Amino acid sequence: MELAKAEIREEAGKAGKAAGMYGGAGFGGYMVALFASLAAMFGLANVMDTGWAALIVTAVWAGIAAILFVMGRSRMREVSPKPEQTVQTLQEDAQWARHPTK
């Protein structure tokens, strides 16, 4: 039992470190998107007013967000909150417990 606890503790530590790295990667990705957006805005500002350039970049991000929202909503509708297979298995187990010879 102690060996199992030690193994679980070690694996949890590895998972925690990996989660921290994912968090760092997410922050890095956010910073890339931020600075790429600023670069696009300032690049467009060379050919038009800075306000319009910022509005165009904002509109592009709004479009991306809207597409991701619609895709996420459609995938979320496919998620079943009830564990169907587990419920079915439990019903079969209960039926077998009532009538073990069948």
PDB file of N, CA and C in Angstrom:
ATOM      1  N   MET A   1       0.824  -1.182   0.000  1.00  0.00           N
ATOM      2  CA  MET A   1       0.000   0.000   0.000  1.00  0.00           C
ATOM      3  C   MET A   1       0.880   1.262   0.000  1.00  0.00           C
ATOM      4  N   GLU A   2       1.951   1.233   0.788  1.00  0.00           N
ATOM      5  CA  GLU A   2       2.855   2.384   0.847  1.00  0.00           C
ATOM      6  C   GLU A   2       3.539   2.611  -0.496  1.00  0.00           C
ATOM      7  N   LEU A   3       3.879   1.510  -1.181  1.00  0.00           N
ATOM      8  CA  LEU A   3       4.504   1.635  -2.502  1.00  0.00           C
ATOM      9  C   LEU A   3       3.548   2.312  -3.472  1.00  0.00           C
ATOM     10  N   ALA A   4       2.271   1.937  -3.428  1.00  0.00           N
ATOM     11  CA  ALA A   4       1.274   2.547  -4.307  1.00  0.00           C
ATOM     12  C   ALA A   4       1.141   4.039  -4.014  1.00  0.00           C
ATOM     13  N   LYS A   5       1.131   4.400  -2.727  1.00  0.00           N
ATOM     14  CA  LYS A   5       1.035   5.811  -2.354  1.00  0.00           C
ATOM     15  C   LYS A   5       2.246   6.587  -2.860  1.00  0.00           C
ATOM     16  N   ALA A   6       3.420   5.988  -2.732  1.00  0.00           N
ATOM     17  CA  ALA A   6       4.641   6.654  -3.186  1.00  0.00           C
ATOM     18  C   ALA A   6       4.624   6.844  -4.698  1.00  0.00           C
ATOM     19  N   GLU A   7       4.162   5.819  -5.418  1.00  0.00           N
ATOM     20  CA  GLU A   7       4.086   5.917  -6.877  1.00  0.00           C
ATOM     21  C   GLU A   7       3.093   6.995  -7.296  1.00  0.00           C
ATOM     22  N   ILE A   8       1.945   7.036  -6.633  1.00  0.00           N
ATOM     23  CA  ILE A   8       0.934   8.034  -6.965  1.00  0.00           C
ATOM     24  C   ILE A   8       1.465   9.436  -6.686  1.00  0.00           C
ATOM     25  N   ARG A   9       2.152   9.599  -5.567  1.00  0.00           N
ATOM     26  CA  ARG A   9       2.718  10.893  -5.212  1.00  0.00           C
ATOM     27  C   ARG A   9       3.744  11.334  -6.259  1.00  0.00           C
ATOM     28  N   GLU A  10       4.579  10.407  -6.698  1.00  0.00           N
ATOM     29  CA  GLU A  10       5.598  10.724  -7.705  1.00  0.00           C
ATOM     30  C   GLU A  10       4.941  11.107  -9.031  1.00  0.00           C
ATOM     31  N   GLU A  11       3.929  10.353  -9.449  1.00  0.00           N
ATOM     32  CA  GLU A  11       3.247  10.654 -10.705  1.00  0.00           C
ATOM     33  C   GLU A  11       2.482  11.975 -10.611  1.00  0.00           C
ATOM     34  N   ALA A  12       1.920  12.265  -9.442  1.00  0.00           N
ATOM     35  CA  ALA A  12       1.225  13.539  -9.265  1.00  0.00           C
ATOM     36  C   ALA A  12       2.207  14.701  -9.371  1.00  0.00           C
ATOM     37  N   GLY A  13       3.402  14.526  -8.855  1.00  0.00           N
ATOM     38  CA  GLY A  13       4.426  15.562  -8.977  1.00  0.00           C
ATOM     39  C   GLY A  13       4.803  15.799 -10.431  1.00  0.00           C
ATOM     40  N   LYS A  14       4.952  14.713 -11.190  1.00  0.00           N
ATOM     41  CA  LYS A  14       5.259  14.845 -12.618  1.00  0.00           C
ATOM     42  C   LYS A  14       4.125  15.554 -13.345  1.00  0.00           C
ATOM     43  N   ALA A  15       2.877  15.177 -13.010  1.00  0.00           N
ATOM     44  CA  ALA A  15       1.719  15.791 -13.662  1.00  0.00           C
ATOM     45  C   ALA A  15       1.638  17.276 -13.314  1.00  0.00           C
ATOM     46  N   GLY A  16       1.947  17.627 -12.078  1.00  0.00           N
ATOM     47  CA  GLY A  16       1.939  19.034 -11.679  1.00  0.00           C
ATOM     48  C   GLY A  16       2.963  19.853 -12.444  1.00  0.00           C
ATOM     49  N   LYS A  17       4.153  19.300 -12.611  1.00  0.00           N
ATOM     50  CA  LYS A  17       5.188  20.001 -13.378  1.00  0.00           C
ATOM     51  C   LYS A  17       4.767  20.163 -14.836  1.00  0.00           C
ATOM     52  N   ALA A  18       4.179  19.110 -15.405  1.00  0.00           N
ATOM     53  CA  ALA A  18       3.718  19.182 -16.796  1.00  0.00           C
ATOM     54  C   ALA A  18       2.615  20.222 -16.934  1.00  0.00           C
ATOM     55  N   ALA A  19       1.703  20.276 -15.959  1.00  0.00           N
ATOM     56  CA  ALA A  19       0.631  21.279 -16.001  1.00  0.00           C
ATOM     57  C   ALA A  19       1.207  22.693 -15.923  1.00  0.00           C
ATOM     58  N   GLY A  20       2.232  22.874 -15.111  1.00  0.00           N
ATOM     59  CA  GLY A  20       2.892  24.175 -15.044  1.00  0.00           C
ATOM     60  C   GLY A  20       3.519  24.555 -16.370  1.00  0.00           C
ATOM     61  N   MET A  21       4.103  23.588 -17.054  1.00  0.00           N
ATOM     62  CA  MET A  21       4.701  23.852 -18.359  1.00  0.00           C
ATOM     63  C   MET A  21       3.623  24.199 -19.388  1.00  0.00           C
ATOM     64  N   TYR A  22       2.467  23.503 -19.319  1.00  0.00           N
ATOM     65  CA  TYR A  22       1.350  23.848 -20.210  1.00  0.00           C
ATOM     66  C   TYR A  22       0.876  25.276 -19.932  1.00  0.00           C
ATOM     67  N   GLY A  23       0.814  25.635 -18.674  1.00  0.00           N
ATOM     68  CA  GLY A  23       0.426  26.999 -18.324  1.00  0.00           C
ATOM     69  C   GLY A  23       1.402  28.014 -18.879  1.00  0.00           C
ATOM     70  N   GLY A  24       2.686  27.729 -18.757  1.00  0.00           N
ATOM     71  CA  GLY A  24       3.703  28.615 -19.317  1.00  0.00           C
ATOM     72  C   GLY A  24       3.602  28.716 -20.828  1.00  0.00           C
ATOM     73  N   ALA A  25       3.322  27.588 -21.478  1.00  0.00           N
ATOM     74  CA  ALA A  25       3.167  27.588 -22.934  1.00  0.00           C
ATOM     75  C   ALA A  25       1.934  28.397 -23.339  1.00  0.00           C
ATOM     76  N   GLY A  26       0.858  28.287 -22.555  1.00  0.00           N
ATOM     77  CA  GLY A  26      -0.336  29.069 -22.842  1.00  0.00           C
ATOM     78  C   GLY A  26      -0.069  30.562 -22.719  1.00  0.00           C
ATOM     79  N   PHE A  27       0.643  30.952 -21.674  1.00  0.00           N
ATOM     80  CA  PHE A  27       1.002  32.356 -21.502  1.00  0.00           C
ATOM     81  C   PHE A  27       1.900  32.819 -22.646  1.00  0.00           C
ATOM     82  N   GLY A  28       2.854  31.972 -23.038  1.00  0.00           N
ATOM     83  CA  GLY A  28       3.726  32.315 -24.166  1.00  0.00           C
ATOM     84  C   GLY A  28       2.931  32.499 -25.452  1.00  0.00           C
ATOM     85  N   GLY A  29       1.958  31.620 -25.674  1.00  0.00           N
ATOM     86  CA  GLY A  29       1.100  31.749 -26.853  1.00  0.00           C
ATOM     87  C   GLY A  29       0.280  33.024 -26.824  1.00  0.00           C
ATOM     88  N   TYR A  30      -0.203  33.375 -25.642  1.00  0.00           N
ATOM     89  CA  TYR A  30      -0.947  34.630 -25.484  1.00  0.00           C
ATOM     90  C   TYR A  30      -0.056  35.819 -25.843  1.00  0.00           C
ATOM     91  N   MET A  31       1.177  35.801 -25.354  1.00  0.00           N
ATOM     92  CA  MET A  31       2.090  36.907 -25.646  1.00  0.00           C
ATOM     93  C   MET A  31       2.410  36.982 -27.139  1.00  0.00           C
ATOM     94  N   VAL A  32       2.561  35.830 -27.782  1.00  0.00           N
ATOM     95  CA  VAL A  32       2.801  35.816 -29.230  1.00  0.00           C
ATOM     96  C   VAL A  32       1.625  36.450 -29.960  1.00  0.00           C
ATOM     97  N   ALA A  33       0.406  36.066 -29.576  1.00  0.00           N
ATOM     98  CA  ALA A  33      -0.778  36.635 -30.227  1.00  0.00           C
ATOM     99  C   ALA A  33      -0.863  38.147 -29.991  1.00  0.00           C
ATOM    100  N   LEU A  34      -0.553  38.563 -28.781  1.00  0.00           N
ATOM    101  CA  LEU A  34      -0.598  39.991 -28.456  1.00  0.00           C
ATOM    102  C   LEU A  34       0.386  40.785 -29.315  1.00  0.00           C
ATOM    103  N   PHE A  35       1.634  40.334 -29.339  1.00  0.00           N
ATOM    104  CA  PHE A  35       2.640  41.097 -30.075  1.00  0.00           C
ATOM    105  C   PHE A  35       2.481  40.960 -31.590  1.00  0.00           C
ATOM    106  N   ALA A  36       1.967  39.830 -32.064  1.00  0.00           N
ATOM    107  CA  ALA A  36       1.675  39.708 -33.495  1.00  0.00           C
ATOM    108  C   ALA A  36       0.542  40.656 -33.873  1.00  0.00           C
ATOM    109  N   SER A  37      -0.430  40.803 -32.979  1.00  0.00           N
ATOM    110  CA  SER A  37      -1.530  41.741 -33.226  1.00  0.00           C
ATOM    111  C   SER A  37      -1.020  43.177 -33.255  1.00  0.00           C
ATOM    112  N   LEU A  38      -0.142  43.505 -32.322  1.00  0.00           N
ATOM    113  CA  LEU A  38       0.431  44.852 -32.321  1.00  0.00           C
ATOM    114  C   LEU A  38       1.261  45.102 -33.578  1.00  0.00           C
ATOM    115  N   ALA A  39       2.016  44.096 -34.003  1.00  0.00           N
ATOM    116  CA  ALA A  39       2.816  44.254 -35.221  1.00  0.00           C
ATOM    117  C   ALA A  39       1.912  44.457 -36.430  1.00  0.00           C
ATOM    118  N   ALA A  40       0.811  43.696 -36.498  1.00  0.00           N
ATOM    119  CA  ALA A  40      -0.130  43.872 -37.603  1.00  0.00           C
ATOM    120  C   ALA A  40      -0.762  45.252 -37.565  1.00  0.00           C
ATOM    121  N   MET A  41      -1.134  45.696 -36.374  1.00  0.00           N
ATOM    122  CA  MET A  41      -1.747  47.017 -36.234  1.00  0.00           C
ATOM    123  C   MET A  41      -0.777  48.117 -36.680  1.00  0.00           C
ATOM    124  N   PHE A  42       0.460  48.056 -36.201  1.00  0.00           N
ATOM    125  CA  PHE A  42       1.424  49.088 -36.579  1.00  0.00           C
ATOM    126  C   PHE A  42       1.813  48.983 -38.050  1.00  0.00           C
ATOM    127  N   GLY A  43       1.795  47.767 -38.587  1.00  0.00           N
ATOM    128  CA  GLY A  43       2.049  47.616 -40.021  1.00  0.00           C
ATOM    129  C   GLY A  43       0.941  48.258 -40.841  1.00  0.00           C
ATOM    130  N   LEU A  44      -0.306  48.035 -40.442  1.00  0.00           N
ATOM    131  CA  LEU A  44      -1.424  48.682 -41.137  1.00  0.00           C
ATOM    132  C   LEU A  44      -1.418  50.188 -40.919  1.00  0.00           C
ATOM    133  N   ALA A  45      -0.912  50.621 -39.763  1.00  0.00           N
ATOM    134  CA  ALA A  45      -0.867  52.061 -39.464  1.00  0.00           C
ATOM    135  C   ALA A  45       0.054  52.812 -40.425  1.00  0.00           C
ATOM    136  N   ASN A  46       0.927  52.096 -41.110  1.00  0.00           N
ATOM    137  CA  ASN A  46       1.783  52.750 -42.101  1.00  0.00           C
ATOM    138  C   ASN A  46       1.007  53.171 -43.342  1.00  0.00           C
ATOM    139  N   VAL A  47      -0.148  52.525 -43.583  1.00  0.00           N
ATOM    140  CA  VAL A  47      -0.926  52.844 -44.782  1.00  0.00           C
ATOM    141  C   VAL A  47      -2.276  53.485 -44.460  1.00  0.00           C
ATOM    142  N   MET A  48      -2.640  53.559 -43.179  1.00  0.00           N
ATOM    143  CA  MET A  48      -3.911  54.180 -42.797  1.00  0.00           C
ATOM    144  C   MET A  48      -3.793  54.734 -41.385  1.00  0.00           C
ATOM    145  N   ASP A  49      -4.850  55.362 -40.919  1.00  0.00           N
ATOM    146  CA  ASP A  49      -4.881  55.912 -39.574  1.00  0.00           C
ATOM    147  C   ASP A  49      -4.743  54.783 -38.542  1.00  0.00           C
ATOM    148  N   THR A  50      -4.029  55.051 -37.456  1.00  0.00           N
ATOM    149  CA  THR A  50      -3.777  54.035 -36.436  1.00  0.00           C
ATOM    150  C   THR A  50      -5.076  53.504 -35.816  1.00  0.00           C
ATOM    151  N   GLY A  51      -6.045  54.369 -35.634  1.00  0.00           N
ATOM    152  CA  GLY A  51      -7.329  53.942 -35.071  1.00  0.00           C
ATOM    153  C   GLY A  51      -8.022  52.914 -35.949  1.00  0.00           C
ATOM    154  N   TRP A  52      -8.030  53.154 -37.259  1.00  0.00           N
ATOM    155  CA  TRP A  52      -8.636  52.193 -38.179  1.00  0.00           C
ATOM    156  C   TRP A  52      -7.849  50.888 -38.208  1.00  0.00           C
ATOM    157  N   ALA A  53      -6.536  50.987 -38.151  1.00  0.00           N
ATOM    158  CA  ALA A  53      -5.705  49.771 -38.135  1.00  0.00           C
ATOM    159  C   ALA A  53      -6.028  48.936 -36.899  1.00  0.00           C
ATOM    160  N   ALA A  54      -6.161  49.585 -35.736  1.00  0.00           N
ATOM    161  CA  ALA A  54      -6.501  48.872 -34.507  1.00  0.00           C
ATOM    162  C   ALA A  54      -7.886  48.254 -34.621  1.00  0.00           C
ATOM    163  N   LEU A  55      -8.828  48.978 -35.239  1.00  0.00           N
ATOM    164  CA  LEU A  55     -10.180  48.454 -35.405  1.00  0.00           C
ATOM    165  C   LEU A  55     -10.202  47.225 -36.310  1.00  0.00           C
ATOM    166  N   ILE A  56      -9.399  47.228 -37.357  1.00  0.00           N
ATOM    167  CA  ILE A  56      -9.333  46.077 -38.269  1.00  0.00           C
ATOM    168  C   ILE A  56      -8.777  44.856 -37.541  1.00  0.00           C
ATOM    169  N   VAL A  57      -7.692  45.043 -36.794  1.00  0.00           N
ATOM    170  CA  VAL A  57      -7.101  43.925 -36.044  1.00  0.00           C
ATOM    171  C   VAL A  57      -8.100  43.405 -35.005  1.00  0.00           C
ATOM    172  N   THR A  58      -8.813  44.313 -34.352  1.00  0.00           N
ATOM    173  CA  THR A  58      -9.829  43.916 -33.377  1.00  0.00           C
ATOM    174  C   THR A  58     -10.936  43.115 -34.057  1.00  0.00           C
ATOM    175  N   ALA A  59     -11.360  43.542 -35.236  1.00  0.00           N
ATOM    176  CA  ALA A  59     -12.405  42.825 -35.969  1.00  0.00           C
ATOM    177  C   ALA A  59     -11.950  41.419 -36.356  1.00  0.00           C
ATOM    178  N   VAL A  60     -10.703  41.285 -36.732  1.00  0.00           N
ATOM    179  CA  VAL A  60     -10.178  39.948 -37.063  1.00  0.00           C
ATOM    180  C   VAL A  60     -10.235  39.049 -35.836  1.00  0.00           C
ATOM    181  N   TRP A  61      -9.803  39.562 -34.679  1.00  0.00           N
ATOM    182  CA  TRP A  61      -9.854  38.763 -33.446  1.00  0.00           C
ATOM    183  C   TRP A  61     -11.292  38.465 -33.041  1.00  0.00           C
ATOM    184  N   ALA A  62     -12.206  39.404 -33.264  1.00  0.00           N
ATOM    185  CA  ALA A  62     -13.616  39.158 -32.955  1.00  0.00           C
ATOM    186  C   ALA A  62     -14.162  38.035 -33.837  1.00  0.00           C
ATOM    187  N   GLY A  63     -13.766  38.021 -35.104  1.00  0.00           N
ATOM    188  CA  GLY A  63     -14.190  36.942 -36.002  1.00  0.00           C
ATOM    189  C   GLY A  63     -13.650  35.597 -35.554  1.00  0.00           C
ATOM    190  N   ILE A  64     -12.387  35.564 -35.173  1.00  0.00           N
ATOM    191  CA  ILE A  64     -11.788  34.318 -34.676  1.00  0.00           C
ATOM    192  C   ILE A  64     -12.509  33.847 -33.423  1.00  0.00           C
ATOM    193  N   ALA A  65     -12.794  34.772 -32.510  1.00  0.00           N
ATOM    194  CA  ALA A  65     -13.488  34.422 -31.274  1.00  0.00           C
ATOM    195  C   ALA A  65     -14.886  33.892 -31.562  1.00  0.00           C
ATOM    196  N   ALA A  66     -15.595  34.520 -32.498  1.00  0.00           N
ATOM    197  CA  ALA A  66     -16.946  34.070 -32.839  1.00  0.00           C
ATOM    198  C   ALA A  66     -16.935  32.661 -33.424  1.00  0.00           C
ATOM    199  N   ILE A  67     -15.987  32.391 -34.304  1.00  0.00           N
ATOM    200  CA  ILE A  67     -15.880  31.053 -34.900  1.00  0.00           C
ATOM    201  C   ILE A  67     -15.574  30.016 -33.824  1.00  0.00           C
ATOM    202  N   LEU A  68     -14.629  30.321 -32.945  1.00  0.00           N
ATOM    203  CA  LEU A  68     -14.294  29.386 -31.869  1.00  0.00           C
ATOM    204  C   LEU A  68     -15.473  29.174 -30.922  1.00  0.00           C
ATOM    205  N   PHE A  69     -16.243  30.232 -30.657  1.00  0.00           N
ATOM    206  CA  PHE A  69     -17.419  30.113 -29.797  1.00  0.00           C
ATOM    207  C   PHE A  69     -18.447  29.169 -30.414  1.00  0.00           C
ATOM    208  N   VAL A  70     -18.738  29.352 -31.694  1.00  0.00           N
ATOM    209  CA  VAL A  70     -19.732  28.510 -32.368  1.00  0.00           C
ATOM    210  C   VAL A  70     -19.263  27.056 -32.407  1.00  0.00           C
ATOM    211  N   MET A  71     -17.988  26.842 -32.699  1.00  0.00           N
ATOM    212  CA  MET A  71     -17.457  25.471 -32.733  1.00  0.00           C
ATOM    213  C   MET A  71     -17.503  24.841 -31.339  1.00  0.00           C
ATOM    214  N   GLY A  72     -17.125  25.600 -30.312  1.00  0.00           N
ATOM    215  CA  GLY A  72     -17.155  25.085 -28.946  1.00  0.00           C
ATOM    216  C   GLY A  72     -18.560  24.774 -28.491  1.00  0.00           C
ATOM    217  N   ARG A  73     -19.516  25.644 -28.830  1.00  0.00           N
ATOM    218  CA  ARG A  73     -20.907  25.415 -28.449  1.00  0.00           C
ATOM    219  C   ARG A  73     -21.452  24.153 -29.112  1.00  0.00           C
ATOM    220  N   SER A  74     -21.120  23.930 -30.383  1.00  0.00           N
ATOM    221  CA  SER A  74     -21.615  22.736 -31.058  1.00  0.00           C
ATOM    222  C   SER A  74     -20.993  21.466 -30.474  1.00  0.00           C
ATOM    223  N   ARG A  75     -19.737  21.529 -30.102  1.00  0.00           N
ATOM    224  CA  ARG A  75     -19.107  20.358 -29.475  1.00  0.00           C
ATOM    225  C   ARG A  75     -19.656  20.120 -28.074  1.00  0.00           C
ATOM    226  N   MET A  76     -19.960  21.203 -27.352  1.00  0.00           N
ATOM    227  CA  MET A  76     -20.489  21.057 -26.003  1.00  0.00           C
ATOM    228  C   MET A  76     -21.866  20.412 -26.019  1.00  0.00           C
ATOM    229  N   ARG A  77     -22.638  20.654 -27.057  1.00  0.00           N
ATOM    230  CA  ARG A  77     -23.961  20.031 -27.175  1.00  0.00           C
ATOM    231  C   ARG A  77     -23.866  18.525 -27.353  1.00  0.00           C
ATOM    232  N   GLU A  78     -22.722  18.042 -27.820  1.00  0.00           N
ATOM    233  CA  GLU A  78     -22.517  16.608 -27.997  1.00  0.00           C
ATOM    234  C   GLU A  78     -22.129  15.908 -26.698  1.00  0.00           C
ATOM    235  N   VAL A  79     -21.767  16.679 -25.670  1.00  0.00           N
ATOM    236  CA  VAL A  79     -21.320  16.114 -24.406  1.00  0.00           C
ATOM    237  C   VAL A  79     -22.528  15.656 -23.598  1.00  0.00           C
ATOM    238  N   SER A  80     -22.460  14.440 -23.115  1.00  0.00           N
ATOM    239  CA  SER A  80     -23.524  13.904 -22.276  1.00  0.00           C
ATOM    240  C   SER A  80     -23.062  13.957 -20.824  1.00  0.00           C
ATOM    241  N   PRO A  81     -23.816  14.649 -19.956  1.00  0.00           N
ATOM    242  CA  PRO A  81     -23.391  14.741 -18.558  1.00  0.00           C
ATOM    243  C   PRO A  81     -23.585  13.449 -17.784  1.00  0.00           C
ATOM    244  N   LYS A  82     -24.397  12.546 -18.326  1.00  0.00           N
ATOM    245  CA  LYS A  82     -24.674  11.286 -17.647  1.00  0.00           C
ATOM    246  C   LYS A  82     -23.782  10.195 -18.234  1.00  0.00           C
ATOM    247  N   PRO A  83     -23.047   9.465 -17.412  1.00  0.00           N
ATOM    248  CA  PRO A  83     -22.194   8.378 -17.927  1.00  0.00           C
ATOM    249  C   PRO A  83     -23.057   7.197 -18.375  1.00  0.00           C
ATOM    250  N   GLU A  84     -23.443   7.197 -19.641  1.00  0.00           N
ATOM    251  CA  GLU A  84     -24.394   6.219 -20.180  1.00  0.00           C
ATOM    252  C   GLU A  84     -23.941   4.772 -19.987  1.00  0.00           C
ATOM    253  N   GLN A  85     -22.697   4.473 -20.311  1.00  0.00           N
ATOM    254  CA  GLN A  85     -22.218   3.090 -20.204  1.00  0.00           C
ATOM    255  C   GLN A  85     -22.200   2.626 -18.760  1.00  0.00           C
ATOM    256  N   THR A  86     -21.818   3.502 -17.842  1.00  0.00           N
ATOM    257  CA  THR A  86     -21.777   3.138 -16.429  1.00  0.00           C
ATOM    258  C   THR A  86     -23.177   2.864 -15.913  1.00  0.00           C
ATOM    259  N   VAL A  87     -24.135   3.704 -16.288  1.00  0.00           N
ATOM    260  CA  VAL A  87     -25.515   3.500 -15.858  1.00  0.00           C
ATOM    261  C   VAL A  87     -26.035   2.173 -16.389  1.00  0.00           C
ATOM    262  N   GLN A  88     -25.764   1.879 -17.654  1.00  0.00           N
ATOM    263  CA  GLN A  88     -26.219   0.629 -18.247  1.00  0.00           C
ATOM    264  C   GLN A  88     -25.582  -0.565 -17.543  1.00  0.00           C
ATOM    265  N   THR A  89     -24.289  -0.497 -17.272  1.00  0.00           N
ATOM    266  CA  THR A  89     -23.594  -1.587 -16.594  1.00  0.00           C
ATOM    267  C   THR A  89     -24.154  -1.794 -15.194  1.00  0.00           C
ATOM    268  N   LEU A  90     -24.420  -0.714 -14.473  1.00  0.00           N
ATOM    269  CA  LEU A  90     -24.985  -0.837 -13.132  1.00  0.00           C
ATOM    270  C   LEU A  90     -26.379  -1.448 -13.172  1.00  0.00           C
ATOM    271  N   GLN A  91     -27.167  -1.084 -14.175  1.00  0.00           N
ATOM    272  CA  GLN A  91     -28.496  -1.678 -14.313  1.00  0.00           C
ATOM    273  C   GLN A  91     -28.389  -3.175 -14.595  1.00  0.00           C
ATOM    274  N   GLU A  92     -27.450  -3.551 -15.453  1.00  0.00           N
ATOM    275  CA  GLU A  92     -27.243  -4.973 -15.744  1.00  0.00           C
ATOM    276  C   GLU A  92     -26.763  -5.716 -14.510  1.00  0.00           C
ATOM    277  N   ASP A  93     -25.866  -5.110 -13.724  1.00  0.00           N
ATOM    278  CA  ASP A  93     -25.384  -5.737 -12.493  1.00  0.00           C
ATOM    279  C   ASP A  93     -26.513  -5.920 -11.495  1.00  0.00           C
ATOM    280  N   ALA A  94     -27.382  -4.904 -11.376  1.00  0.00           N
ATOM    281  CA  ALA A  94     -28.510  -5.013 -10.448  1.00  0.00           C
ATOM    282  C   ALA A  94     -29.465  -6.105 -10.892  1.00  0.00           C
ATOM    283  N   GLN A  95     -29.692  -6.198 -12.194  1.00  0.00           N
ATOM    284  CA  GLN A  95     -30.581  -7.246 -12.709  1.00  0.00           C
ATOM    285  C   GLN A  95     -29.974  -8.624 -12.461  1.00  0.00           C
ATOM    286  N   TRP A  96     -28.687  -8.750 -12.666  1.00  0.00           N
ATOM    287  CA  TRP A  96     -28.022 -10.034 -12.426  1.00  0.00           C
ATOM    288  C   TRP A  96     -28.064 -10.382 -10.938  1.00  0.00           C
ATOM    289  N   ALA A  97     -27.909  -9.394 -10.065  1.00  0.00           N
ATOM    290  CA  ALA A  97     -27.937  -9.645  -8.625  1.00  0.00           C
ATOM    291  C   ALA A  97     -29.318 -10.128  -8.179  1.00  0.00           C
ATOM    292  N   ARG A  98     -30.363  -9.618  -8.823  1.00  0.00           N
ATOM    293  CA  ARG A  98     -31.717 -10.063  -8.499  1.00  0.00           C
ATOM    294  C   ARG A  98     -31.981 -11.465  -9.015  1.00  0.00           C
ATOM    295  N   HIS A  99     -31.454 -11.786 -10.188  1.00  0.00           N
ATOM    296  CA  HIS A  99     -31.689 -13.078 -10.833  1.00  0.00           C
ATOM    297  C   HIS A  99     -30.348 -13.642 -11.330  1.00  0.00           C
ATOM    298  N   PRO A 100     -29.525 -14.177 -10.437  1.00  0.00           N
ATOM    299  CA  PRO A 100     -28.170 -14.613 -10.843  1.00  0.00           C
ATOM    300  C   PRO A 100     -28.150 -15.816 -11.786  1.00  0.00           C
ATOM    301  N   THR A 101     -29.225 -16.552 -11.923  1.00  0.00           N
ATOM    302  CA  THR A 101     -29.201 -17.746 -12.781  1.00  0.00           C
ATOM    303  C   THR A 101     -29.529 -17.432 -14.217  1.00  0.00           C
ATOM    304  N   LYS A 102     -29.976 -16.250 -14.540  1.00  0.00           N
ATOM    305  CA  LYS A 102     -30.341 -15.907 -15.913  1.00  0.00           C
ATOM    306  C   LYS A 102     -29.153 -15.494 -16.728  1.00  0.00           C
TER     307      LYS A 102
END
